[in-house]
PDB file of all heavy atoms in Angstrom:
ATOM      1  N   CYS A   1     -21.410  28.128   6.517  1.00  0.00           N
ATOM      2  CA  CYS A   1     -20.829  27.560   5.310  1.00  0.00           C
ATOM      3  C   CYS A   1     -19.936  28.609   4.661  1.00  0.00           C
ATOM      4  O   CYS A   1     -19.931  29.778   5.073  1.00  0.00           O
ATOM      5  CB  CYS A   1     -21.917  27.096   4.339  1.00  0.00           C
ATOM      6  SG  CYS A   1     -22.977  28.434   3.736  1.00  0.00           S
ATOM      7  N   ALA A   2     -19.192  28.212   3.660  1.00  0.00           N
ATOM      8  CA  ALA A   2     -18.370  29.151   2.908  1.00  0.00           C
ATOM      9  C   ALA A   2     -19.264  30.052   2.066  1.00  0.00           C
ATOM     10  O   ALA A   2     -20.443  29.753   1.823  1.00  0.00           O
ATOM     11  CB  ALA A   2     -17.383  28.396   2.028  1.00  0.00           C
ATOM     12  N   LEU A   3     -18.708  31.152   1.583  1.00  0.00           N
ATOM     13  CA  LEU A   3     -19.496  32.105   0.816  1.00  0.00           C
ATOM     14  C   LEU A   3     -20.036  31.520  -0.483  1.00  0.00           C
ATOM     15  O   LEU A   3     -21.085  31.937  -0.975  1.00  0.00           O
ATOM     16  CB  LEU A   3     -18.654  33.354   0.517  1.00  0.00           C
ATOM     17  CG  LEU A   3     -18.341  34.253   1.717  1.00  0.00           C
ATOM     18  CD1 LEU A   3     -17.394  35.361   1.303  1.00  0.00           C
ATOM     19  CD2 LEU A   3     -19.611  34.849   2.308  1.00  0.00           C
ATOM     20  N   ALA A   4     -19.321  30.566  -1.038  1.00  0.00           N
ATOM     21  CA  ALA A   4     -19.742  29.981  -2.313  1.00  0.00           C
ATOM     22  C   ALA A   4     -20.873  28.975  -2.141  1.00  0.00           C
ATOM     23  O   ALA A   4     -21.399  28.458  -3.129  1.00  0.00           O
ATOM     24  CB  ALA A   4     -18.551  29.307  -2.995  1.00  0.00           C
ATOM     25  N   GLU A   5     -21.242  28.661  -0.907  1.00  0.00           N
ATOM     26  CA  GLU A   5     -22.294  27.685  -0.635  1.00  0.00           C
ATOM     27  C   GLU A   5     -23.532  28.404  -0.128  1.00  0.00           C
ATOM     28  O   GLU A   5     -23.544  29.617   0.059  1.00  0.00           O
ATOM     29  CB  GLU A   5     -21.785  26.663   0.393  1.00  0.00           C
ATOM     30  CG  GLU A   5     -20.516  25.945  -0.051  1.00  0.00           C
ATOM     31  CD  GLU A   5     -19.885  25.139   1.067  1.00  0.00           C
ATOM     32  OE1 GLU A   5     -20.445  25.137   2.191  1.00  0.00           O
ATOM     33  OE2 GLU A   5     -18.828  24.525   0.837  1.00  0.00           O
ATOM     34  N   ASN A   6     -24.608  27.627   0.123  1.00  0.00           N
ATOM     35  CA  ASN A   6     -25.839  28.244   0.627  1.00  0.00           C
ATOM     36  C   ASN A   6     -26.540  27.342   1.635  1.00  0.00           C
ATOM     37  O   ASN A   6     -27.759  27.304   1.699  1.00  0.00           O
ATOM     38  CB  ASN A   6     -26.782  28.597  -0.523  1.00  0.00           C
ATOM     39  CG  ASN A   6     -27.153  27.390  -1.359  1.00  0.00           C
ATOM     40  OD1 ASN A   6     -26.759  26.263  -1.059  1.00  0.00           O
ATOM     41  ND2 ASN A   6     -27.934  27.623  -2.402  1.00  0.00           N
ATOM     42  N   SER A   7     -25.741  26.612   2.426  1.00  0.00           N
ATOM     43  CA  SER A   7     -26.306  25.667   3.387  1.00  0.00           C
ATOM     44  C   SER A   7     -26.335  26.222   4.801  1.00  0.00           C
ATOM     45  O   SER A   7     -26.510  25.470   5.758  1.00  0.00           O
ATOM     46  CB  SER A   7     -25.498  24.362   3.364  1.00  0.00           C
ATOM     47  OG  SER A   7     -24.122  24.614   3.628  1.00  0.00           O
ATOM     48  N   GLY A   8     -26.162  27.517   4.970  1.00  0.00           N
ATOM     49  CA  GLY A   8     -26.180  28.124   6.290  1.00  0.00           C
ATOM     50  C   GLY A   8     -25.778  29.575   6.198  1.00  0.00           C
ATOM     51  O   GLY A   8     -25.751  30.164   5.110  1.00  0.00           O
ATOM     52  N   VAL A   9     -25.471  30.169   7.354  1.00  0.00           N
ATOM     53  CA  VAL A   9     -24.943  31.529   7.373  1.00  0.00           C
ATOM     54  C   VAL A   9     -23.598  31.516   6.663  1.00  0.00           C
ATOM     55  O   VAL A   9     -22.730  30.695   6.954  1.00  0.00           O
ATOM     56  CB  VAL A   9     -24.791  32.034   8.821  1.00  0.00           C
ATOM     57  CG1 VAL A   9     -24.087  33.382   8.852  1.00  0.00           C
ATOM     58  CG2 VAL A   9     -26.162  32.129   9.489  1.00  0.00           C
ATOM     59  N   ARG A  10     -23.396  32.429   5.730  1.00  0.00           N
ATOM     60  CA  ARG A  10     -22.228  32.374   4.851  1.00  0.00           C
ATOM     61  C   ARG A  10     -21.124  33.288   5.376  1.00  0.00           C
ATOM     62  O   ARG A  10     -21.367  34.460   5.659  1.00  0.00           O
ATOM     63  CB  ARG A  10     -22.653  32.756   3.440  1.00  0.00           C
ATOM     64  CG  ARG A  10     -23.695  31.787   2.881  1.00  0.00           C
ATOM     65  CD  ARG A  10     -24.503  32.379   1.755  1.00  0.00           C
ATOM     66  NE  ARG A  10     -23.699  32.603   0.572  1.00  0.00           N
ATOM     67  CZ  ARG A  10     -24.164  33.212  -0.525  1.00  0.00           C
ATOM     68  NH1 ARG A  10     -25.413  33.663  -0.544  1.00  0.00           N
ATOM     69  NH2 ARG A  10     -23.384  33.372  -1.570  1.00  0.00           N
ATOM     70  N   VAL A  11     -19.915  32.723   5.512  1.00  0.00           N
ATOM     71  CA  VAL A  11     -18.811  33.433   6.147  1.00  0.00           C
ATOM     72  C   VAL A  11     -17.587  33.381   5.241  1.00  0.00           C
ATOM     73  O   VAL A  11     -17.263  32.323   4.685  1.00  0.00           O
ATOM     74  CB  VAL A  11     -18.464  32.813   7.522  1.00  0.00           C
ATOM     75  CG1 VAL A  11     -17.497  33.716   8.293  1.00  0.00           C
ATOM     76  CG2 VAL A  11     -19.718  32.556   8.349  1.00  0.00           C
ATOM     77  N   GLY A  12     -16.894  34.514   5.091  1.00  0.00           N
ATOM     78  CA  GLY A  12     -15.692  34.527   4.261  1.00  0.00           C
ATOM     79  C   GLY A  12     -14.919  35.818   4.410  1.00  0.00           C
ATOM     80  O   GLY A  12     -15.303  36.717   5.171  1.00  0.00           O
ATOM     81  N   THR A  13     -13.836  35.920   3.667  1.00  0.00           N
ATOM     82  CA  THR A  13     -13.000  37.115   3.725  1.00  0.00           C
ATOM     83  C   THR A  13     -13.664  38.266   2.983  1.00  0.00           C
ATOM     84  O   THR A  13     -14.554  38.080   2.152  1.00  0.00           O
ATOM     85  CB  THR A  13     -11.626  36.858   3.105  1.00  0.00           C
ATOM     86  OG1 THR A  13     -11.793  36.576   1.708  1.00  0.00           O
ATOM     87  CG2 THR A  13     -10.915  35.693   3.782  1.00  0.00           C
ATOM     88  N   MET A  14     -13.189  39.474   3.274  1.00  0.00           N
ATOM     89  CA  MET A  14     -13.704  40.652   2.579  1.00  0.00           C
ATOM     90  C   MET A  14     -13.473  40.533   1.079  1.00  0.00           C
ATOM     91  O   MET A  14     -14.325  40.934   0.281  1.00  0.00           O
ATOM     92  CB  MET A  14     -13.031  41.912   3.120  1.00  0.00           C
ATOM     93  CG  MET A  14     -13.369  42.236   4.559  1.00  0.00           C
ATOM     94  SD  MET A  14     -12.538  43.759   5.092  1.00  0.00           S
ATOM     95  CE  MET A  14     -13.078  43.845   6.798  1.00  0.00           C
ATOM     96  N   HIS A  15     -12.321  39.988   0.684  1.00  0.00           N
ATOM     97  CA  HIS A  15     -12.057  39.796  -0.741  1.00  0.00           C
ATOM     98  C   HIS A  15     -13.123  38.908  -1.381  1.00  0.00           C
ATOM     99  O   HIS A  15     -13.587  39.173  -2.490  1.00  0.00           O
ATOM    100  CB  HIS A  15     -10.686  39.152  -0.947  1.00  0.00           C
ATOM    101  CG  HIS A  15      -9.540  40.106  -0.862  1.00  0.00           C
ATOM    102  ND1 HIS A  15      -8.895  40.376   0.318  1.00  0.00           N
ATOM    103  CD2 HIS A  15      -8.932  40.867  -1.811  1.00  0.00           C
ATOM    104  CE1 HIS A  15      -7.926  41.259   0.093  1.00  0.00           C
ATOM    105  NE2 HIS A  15      -7.926  41.573  -1.186  1.00  0.00           N
ATOM    106  N   SER A  16     -13.515  37.853  -0.676  1.00  0.00           N
ATOM    107  CA  SER A  16     -14.455  36.885  -1.239  1.00  0.00           C
ATOM    108  C   SER A  16     -15.891  37.391  -1.252  1.00  0.00           C
ATOM    109  O   SER A  16     -16.753  36.782  -1.893  1.00  0.00           O
ATOM    110  CB  SER A  16     -14.383  35.569  -0.449  1.00  0.00           C
ATOM    111  OG  SER A  16     -13.095  35.012  -0.521  1.00  0.00           O
ATOM    112  N   MET A  17     -16.167  38.480  -0.559  1.00  0.00           N
ATOM    113  CA  MET A  17     -17.518  39.054  -0.563  1.00  0.00           C
ATOM    114  C   MET A  17     -17.820  39.761  -1.877  1.00  0.00           C
ATOM    115  O   MET A  17     -18.971  40.109  -2.155  1.00  0.00           O
ATOM    116  CB  MET A  17     -17.667  40.062   0.576  1.00  0.00           C
ATOM    117  CG  MET A  17     -17.628  39.460   1.966  1.00  0.00           C
ATOM    118  SD  MET A  17     -19.155  38.620   2.423  1.00  0.00           S
ATOM    119  CE  MET A  17     -20.183  40.016   2.895  1.00  0.00           C
ATOM    120  N   LYS A  18     -16.798  39.971  -2.682  1.00  0.00           N
ATOM    121  CA  LYS A  18     -16.924  40.734  -3.920  1.00  0.00           C
ATOM    122  C   LYS A  18     -18.057  40.201  -4.784  1.00  0.00           C
ATOM    123  O   LYS A  18     -18.135  39.014  -5.082  1.00  0.00           O
ATOM    124  CB  LYS A  18     -15.612  40.625  -4.691  1.00  0.00           C
ATOM    125  CG  LYS A  18     -15.385  41.749  -5.648  1.00  0.00           C
ATOM    126  CD  LYS A  18     -15.054  43.013  -4.888  1.00  0.00           C
ATOM    127  CE  LYS A  18     -14.754  44.138  -5.850  1.00  0.00           C
ATOM    128  NZ  LYS A  18     -15.922  44.511  -6.630  1.00  0.00           N
ATOM    129  N   GLY A  19     -18.960  41.073  -5.175  1.00  0.00           N
ATOM    130  CA  GLY A  19     -20.020  40.711  -6.103  1.00  0.00           C
ATOM    131  C   GLY A  19     -21.199  39.993  -5.482  1.00  0.00           C
ATOM    132  O   GLY A  19     -22.186  39.732  -6.166  1.00  0.00           O
ATOM    133  N   LEU A  20     -21.130  39.657  -4.173  1.00  0.00           N
ATOM    134  CA  LEU A  20     -22.226  38.953  -3.518  1.00  0.00           C
ATOM    135  C   LEU A  20     -23.192  39.952  -2.886  1.00  0.00           C
ATOM    136  O   LEU A  20     -22.918  41.143  -2.790  1.00  0.00           O
ATOM    137  CB  LEU A  20     -21.675  37.996  -2.462  1.00  0.00           C
ATOM    138  CG  LEU A  20     -20.659  36.960  -2.963  1.00  0.00           C
ATOM    139  CD1 LEU A  20     -20.179  36.086  -1.809  1.00  0.00           C
ATOM    140  CD2 LEU A  20     -21.258  36.110  -4.072  1.00  0.00           C
ATOM    141  N   GLU A  21     -24.335  39.460  -2.428  1.00  0.00           N
ATOM    142  CA  GLU A  21     -25.326  40.338  -1.822  1.00  0.00           C
ATOM    143  C   GLU A  21     -26.123  39.559  -0.787  1.00  0.00           C
ATOM    144  O   GLU A  21     -26.399  38.369  -0.952  1.00  0.00           O
ATOM    145  CB  GLU A  21     -26.253  40.934  -2.881  1.00  0.00           C
ATOM    146  CG  GLU A  21     -26.809  39.914  -3.831  1.00  0.00           C
ATOM    147  CD  GLU A  21     -27.291  40.526  -5.130  1.00  0.00           C
ATOM    148  OE1 GLU A  21     -26.846  41.626  -5.491  1.00  0.00           O
ATOM    149  OE2 GLU A  21     -28.111  39.878  -5.791  1.00  0.00           O
ATOM    150  N   PHE A  22     -26.498  40.239   0.292  1.00  0.00           N
ATOM    151  CA  PHE A  22     -27.167  39.608   1.420  1.00  0.00           C
ATOM    152  C   PHE A  22     -28.198  40.570   1.992  1.00  0.00           C
ATOM    153  O   PHE A  22     -28.080  41.789   1.843  1.00  0.00           O
ATOM    154  CB  PHE A  22     -26.161  39.252   2.527  1.00  0.00           C
ATOM    155  CG  PHE A  22     -25.030  38.379   2.072  1.00  0.00           C
ATOM    156  CD1 PHE A  22     -23.868  38.946   1.570  1.00  0.00           C
ATOM    157  CD2 PHE A  22     -25.126  37.000   2.138  1.00  0.00           C
ATOM    158  CE1 PHE A  22     -22.817  38.146   1.151  1.00  0.00           C
ATOM    159  CE2 PHE A  22     -24.083  36.194   1.712  1.00  0.00           C
ATOM    160  CZ  PHE A  22     -22.927  36.769   1.214  1.00  0.00           C
ATOM    161  N   ARG A  23     -29.174  40.026   2.673  1.00  0.00           N
ATOM    162  CA  ARG A  23     -30.096  40.893   3.397  1.00  0.00           C
ATOM    163  C   ARG A  23     -29.396  41.529   4.591  1.00  0.00           C
ATOM    164  O   ARG A  23     -29.574  42.703   4.874  1.00  0.00           O
ATOM    165  CB  ARG A  23     -31.320  40.100   3.862  1.00  0.00           C
ATOM    166  CG  ARG A  23     -32.313  39.756   2.756  1.00  0.00           C
ATOM    167  CD  ARG A  23     -33.560  39.115   3.328  1.00  0.00           C
ATOM    168  NE  ARG A  23     -34.229  40.015   4.256  1.00  0.00           N
ATOM    169  CZ  ARG A  23     -35.177  39.634   5.104  1.00  0.00           C
ATOM    170  NH1 ARG A  23     -35.562  38.364   5.134  1.00  0.00           N
ATOM    171  NH2 ARG A  23     -35.743  40.519   5.905  1.00  0.00           N
ATOM    172  N   CYS A  24     -28.613  40.741   5.305  1.00  0.00           N
ATOM    173  CA  CYS A  24     -27.939  41.235   6.511  1.00  0.00           C
ATOM    174  C   CYS A  24     -26.459  40.880   6.446  1.00  0.00           C
ATOM    175  O   CYS A  24     -26.105  39.768   6.052  1.00  0.00           O
ATOM    176  CB  CYS A  24     -28.552  40.612   7.769  1.00  0.00           C
ATOM    177  SG  CYS A  24     -30.326  40.897   7.949  1.00  0.00           S
ATOM    178  N   VAL A  25     -25.613  41.814   6.843  1.00  0.00           N
ATOM    179  CA  VAL A  25     -24.164  41.606   6.802  1.00  0.00           C
ATOM    180  C   VAL A  25     -23.553  42.042   8.128  1.00  0.00           C
ATOM    181  O   VAL A  25     -23.899  43.104   8.663  1.00  0.00           O
ATOM    182  CB  VAL A  25     -23.518  42.390   5.643  1.00  0.00           C
ATOM    183  CG1 VAL A  25     -21.994  42.411   5.782  1.00  0.00           C
ATOM    184  CG2 VAL A  25     -23.918  41.784   4.303  1.00  0.00           C
ATOM    185  N   ALA A  26     -22.629  41.218   8.651  1.00  0.00           N
ATOM    186  CA  ALA A  26     -21.804  41.597   9.797  1.00  0.00           C
ATOM    187  C   ALA A  26     -20.348  41.605   9.344  1.00  0.00           C
ATOM    188  O   ALA A  26     -19.866  40.613   8.788  1.00  0.00           O
ATOM    189  CB  ALA A  26     -22.002  40.613  10.949  1.00  0.00           C
ATOM    190  N   VAL A  27     -19.681  42.713   9.537  1.00  0.00           N
ATOM    191  CA  VAL A  27     -18.253  42.835   9.222  1.00  0.00           C
ATOM    192  C   VAL A  27     -17.524  42.916  10.565  1.00  0.00           C
ATOM    193  O   VAL A  27     -17.746  43.850  11.343  1.00  0.00           O
ATOM    194  CB  VAL A  27     -17.960  44.080   8.368  1.00  0.00           C
ATOM    195  CG1 VAL A  27     -16.499  44.089   7.935  1.00  0.00           C
ATOM    196  CG2 VAL A  27     -18.869  44.116   7.149  1.00  0.00           C
ATOM    197  N   VAL A  28     -16.681  41.931  10.839  1.00  0.00           N
ATOM    198  CA  VAL A  28     -16.087  41.801  12.168  1.00  0.00           C
ATOM    199  C   VAL A  28     -14.584  42.071  12.148  1.00  0.00           C
ATOM    200  O   VAL A  28     -13.952  42.067  11.091  1.00  0.00           O
ATOM    201  CB  VAL A  28     -16.360  40.398  12.749  1.00  0.00           C
ATOM    202  CG1 VAL A  28     -17.857  40.164  12.899  1.00  0.00           C
ATOM    203  CG2 VAL A  28     -15.748  39.308  11.868  1.00  0.00           C
ATOM    204  N   SER A  29     -14.039  42.308  13.340  1.00  0.00           N
ATOM    205  CA  SER A  29     -12.601  42.532  13.539  1.00  0.00           C
ATOM    206  C   SER A  29     -12.087  43.735  12.733  1.00  0.00           C
ATOM    207  O   SER A  29     -10.996  43.694  12.170  1.00  0.00           O
ATOM    208  CB  SER A  29     -11.806  41.270  13.185  1.00  0.00           C
ATOM    209  OG  SER A  29     -12.221  40.183  13.983  1.00  0.00           O
ATOM    210  N   VAL A  30     -12.896  44.795  12.704  1.00  0.00           N
ATOM    211  CA  VAL A  30     -12.501  45.999  11.975  1.00  0.00           C
ATOM    212  C   VAL A  30     -11.757  46.942  12.934  1.00  0.00           C
ATOM    213  O   VAL A  30     -12.119  48.104  13.113  1.00  0.00           O
ATOM    214  CB  VAL A  30     -13.713  46.691  11.331  1.00  0.00           C
ATOM    215  CG1 VAL A  30     -13.244  47.763  10.346  1.00  0.00           C
ATOM    216  CG2 VAL A  30     -14.581  45.687  10.588  1.00  0.00           C
ATOM    217  N   GLY A  31     -10.725  46.392  13.556  1.00  0.00           N
ATOM    218  CA  GLY A  31      -9.907  47.175  14.462  1.00  0.00           C
ATOM    219  C   GLY A  31      -8.602  47.565  13.812  1.00  0.00           C
ATOM    220  O   GLY A  31      -8.222  47.049  12.753  1.00  0.00           O
ATOM    221  N   ALA A  32      -7.884  48.479  14.454  1.00  0.00           N
ATOM    222  CA  ALA A  32      -6.620  48.955  13.901  1.00  0.00           C
ATOM    223  C   ALA A  32      -5.602  47.834  13.760  1.00  0.00           C
ATOM    224  O   ALA A  32      -4.705  47.899  12.915  1.00  0.00           O
ATOM    225  CB  ALA A  32      -6.065  50.067  14.798  1.00  0.00           C
ATOM    226  N   GLU A  33      -5.757  46.782  14.561  1.00  0.00           N
ATOM    227  CA  GLU A  33      -4.820  45.661  14.505  1.00  0.00           C
ATOM    228  C   GLU A  33      -4.920  44.906  13.182  1.00  0.00           C
ATOM    229  O   GLU A  33      -3.940  44.335  12.703  1.00  0.00           O
ATOM    230  CB  GLU A  33      -5.092  44.711  15.672  1.00  0.00           C
ATOM    231  CG  GLU A  33      -4.191  43.486  15.700  1.00  0.00           C
ATOM    232  CD  GLU A  33      -4.555  42.531  16.813  1.00  0.00           C
ATOM    233  OE1 GLU A  33      -5.485  42.835  17.599  1.00  0.00           O
ATOM    234  OE2 GLU A  33      -3.914  41.463  16.903  1.00  0.00           O
ATOM    235  N   HIS A  34      -6.119  44.895  12.596  1.00  0.00           N
ATOM    236  CA  HIS A  34      -6.351  44.074  11.411  1.00  0.00           C
ATOM    237  C   HIS A  34      -6.611  44.863  10.132  1.00  0.00           C
ATOM    238  O   HIS A  34      -6.480  44.320   9.029  1.00  0.00           O
ATOM    239  CB  HIS A  34      -7.541  43.136  11.664  1.00  0.00           C
ATOM    240  CG  HIS A  34      -7.383  42.274  12.874  1.00  0.00           C
ATOM    241  ND1 HIS A  34      -6.400  41.318  12.978  1.00  0.00           N
ATOM    242  CD2 HIS A  34      -8.081  42.237  14.047  1.00  0.00           C
ATOM    243  CE1 HIS A  34      -6.493  40.711  14.156  1.00  0.00           C
ATOM    244  NE2 HIS A  34      -7.503  41.248  14.816  1.00  0.00           N
ATOM    245  N   LEU A  35      -7.017  46.119  10.245  1.00  0.00           N
ATOM    246  CA  LEU A  35      -7.357  46.904   9.063  1.00  0.00           C
ATOM    247  C   LEU A  35      -6.854  48.341   9.237  1.00  0.00           C
ATOM    248  O   LEU A  35      -7.317  49.032  10.156  1.00  0.00           O
ATOM    249  CB  LEU A  35      -8.875  46.898   8.852  1.00  0.00           C
ATOM    250  CG  LEU A  35      -9.348  47.204   7.438  1.00  0.00           C
ATOM    251  CD1 LEU A  35      -8.990  46.067   6.513  1.00  0.00           C
ATOM    252  CD2 LEU A  35     -10.838  47.451   7.402  1.00  0.00           C
ATOM    253  N   PRO A  36      -5.892  48.780   8.421  1.00  0.00           N
ATOM    254  CA  PRO A  36      -5.338  48.047   7.270  1.00  0.00           C
ATOM    255  C   PRO A  36      -4.450  46.882   7.682  1.00  0.00           C
ATOM    256  O   PRO A  36      -3.825  46.922   8.747  1.00  0.00           O
ATOM    257  CB  PRO A  36      -4.520  49.120   6.549  1.00  0.00           C
ATOM    258  CG  PRO A  36      -4.086  50.044   7.650  1.00  0.00           C
ATOM    259  CD  PRO A  36      -5.253  50.110   8.592  1.00  0.00           C
ATOM    260  N   ASP A  37      -4.398  45.882   6.825  1.00  0.00           N
ATOM    261  CA  ASP A  37      -3.501  44.750   7.019  1.00  0.00           C
ATOM    262  C   ASP A  37      -2.126  45.176   6.513  1.00  0.00           C
ATOM    263  O   ASP A  37      -1.886  45.238   5.301  1.00  0.00           O
ATOM    264  CB  ASP A  37      -4.018  43.542   6.242  1.00  0.00           C
ATOM    265  CG  ASP A  37      -3.207  42.285   6.511  1.00  0.00           C
ATOM    266  OD1 ASP A  37      -2.078  42.410   7.032  1.00  0.00           O
ATOM    267  OD2 ASP A  37      -3.695  41.189   6.196  1.00  0.00           O
ATOM    268  N   LEU A  38      -1.226  45.481   7.445  1.00  0.00           N
ATOM    269  CA  LEU A  38       0.065  46.059   7.067  1.00  0.00           C
ATOM    270  C   LEU A  38       0.917  45.110   6.244  1.00  0.00           C
ATOM    271  O   LEU A  38       1.843  45.553   5.556  1.00  0.00           O
ATOM    272  CB  LEU A  38       0.812  46.503   8.328  1.00  0.00           C
ATOM    273  CG  LEU A  38       0.130  47.627   9.120  1.00  0.00           C
ATOM    274  CD1 LEU A  38       0.962  48.010  10.335  1.00  0.00           C
ATOM    275  CD2 LEU A  38      -0.115  48.834   8.232  1.00  0.00           C
ATOM    276  N   ALA A  39       0.630  43.807   6.312  1.00  0.00           N
ATOM    277  CA  ALA A  39       1.386  42.860   5.487  1.00  0.00           C
ATOM    278  C   ALA A  39       1.136  43.097   4.008  1.00  0.00           C
ATOM    279  O   ALA A  39       1.929  42.657   3.163  1.00  0.00           O
ATOM    280  CB  ALA A  39       1.014  41.425   5.858  1.00  0.00           C
ATOM    281  N   HIS A  40       0.045  43.790   3.681  1.00  0.00           N
ATOM    282  CA  HIS A  40      -0.299  44.062   2.287  1.00  0.00           C
ATOM    283  C   HIS A  40      -0.155  45.541   1.946  1.00  0.00           C
ATOM    284  O   HIS A  40      -0.706  46.015   0.951  1.00  0.00           O
ATOM    285  CB  HIS A  40      -1.729  43.601   1.995  1.00  0.00           C
ATOM    286  CG  HIS A  40      -1.914  42.121   2.076  1.00  0.00           C
ATOM    287  ND1 HIS A  40      -2.172  41.471   3.260  1.00  0.00           N
ATOM    288  CD2 HIS A  40      -1.857  41.159   1.116  1.00  0.00           C
ATOM    289  CE1 HIS A  40      -2.282  40.176   3.035  1.00  0.00           C
ATOM    290  NE2 HIS A  40      -2.095  39.964   1.750  1.00  0.00           N
ATOM    291  N   VAL A  41       0.559  46.285   2.771  1.00  0.00           N
ATOM    292  CA  VAL A  41       0.751  47.711   2.550  1.00  0.00           C
ATOM    293  C   VAL A  41       2.241  48.007   2.432  1.00  0.00           C
ATOM    294  O   VAL A  41       3.018  47.685   3.332  1.00  0.00           O
ATOM    295  CB  VAL A  41       0.141  48.548   3.697  1.00  0.00           C
ATOM    296  CG1 VAL A  41       0.421  50.030   3.485  1.00  0.00           C
ATOM    297  CG2 VAL A  41      -1.364  48.302   3.793  1.00  0.00           C
ATOM    298  N   THR A  42       2.644  48.593   1.327  1.00  0.00           N
ATOM    299  CA  THR A  42       4.041  48.984   1.128  1.00  0.00           C
ATOM    300  C   THR A  42       4.436  50.023   2.177  1.00  0.00           C
ATOM    301  O   THR A  42       3.680  50.963   2.445  1.00  0.00           O
ATOM    302  CB  THR A  42       4.229  49.578  -0.278  1.00  0.00           C
ATOM    303  OG1 THR A  42       3.796  48.628  -1.251  1.00  0.00           O
ATOM    304  CG2 THR A  42       5.693  49.935  -0.529  1.00  0.00           C
ATOM    305  N   ASP A  43       5.617  49.857   2.768  1.00  0.00           N
ATOM    306  CA  ASP A  43       6.092  50.807   3.766  1.00  0.00           C
ATOM    307  C   ASP A  43       6.290  52.177   3.119  1.00  0.00           C
ATOM    308  O   ASP A  43       6.825  52.292   2.018  1.00  0.00           O
ATOM    309  CB  ASP A  43       7.400  50.323   4.385  1.00  0.00           C
ATOM    310  CG  ASP A  43       7.769  51.143   5.616  1.00  0.00           C
ATOM    311  OD1 ASP A  43       8.389  52.212   5.443  1.00  0.00           O
ATOM    312  OD2 ASP A  43       7.424  50.709   6.724  1.00  0.00           O
ATOM    313  N   ALA A  44       5.852  53.220   3.822  1.00  0.00           N
ATOM    314  CA  ALA A  44       5.941  54.569   3.268  1.00  0.00           C
ATOM    315  C   ALA A  44       7.381  54.976   2.996  1.00  0.00           C
ATOM    316  O   ALA A  44       7.646  55.747   2.062  1.00  0.00           O
ATOM    317  CB  ALA A  44       5.286  55.565   4.219  1.00  0.00           C
ATOM    318  N   SER A  45       8.331  54.449   3.796  1.00  0.00           N
ATOM    319  CA  SER A  45       9.735  54.798   3.584  1.00  0.00           C
ATOM    320  C   SER A  45      10.280  54.181   2.307  1.00  0.00           C
ATOM    321  O   SER A  45      11.233  54.697   1.717  1.00  0.00           O
ATOM    322  CB  SER A  45      10.578  54.342   4.780  1.00  0.00           C
ATOM    323  OG  SER A  45      10.529  52.930   4.917  1.00  0.00           O
ATOM    324  N   GLU A  46       9.674  53.080   1.854  1.00  0.00           N
ATOM    325  CA  GLU A  46      10.128  52.425   0.619  1.00  0.00           C
ATOM    326  C   GLU A  46       9.524  53.088  -0.608  1.00  0.00           C
ATOM    327  O   GLU A  46      10.207  53.312  -1.608  1.00  0.00           O
ATOM    328  CB  GLU A  46       9.763  50.936   0.642  1.00  0.00           C
ATOM    329  CG  GLU A  46      10.185  50.193  -0.616  1.00  0.00           C
ATOM    330  CD  GLU A  46       9.839  48.715  -0.558  1.00  0.00           C
ATOM    331  OE1 GLU A  46       9.607  48.187   0.538  1.00  0.00           O
ATOM    332  OE2 GLU A  46       9.812  48.082  -1.641  1.00  0.00           O
TER     333      GLU A  46
END
């Protein structure tokens, strides 16, 4: 289910995890391809 629900394992973006708490957490796709997300990072040359 979504993070705002409680009808199953709760899945959402890192932003949406803010303020929540769980017994167990899996953070996935933490590879260089996805983090940092360059679309949200100002280019150093700029």
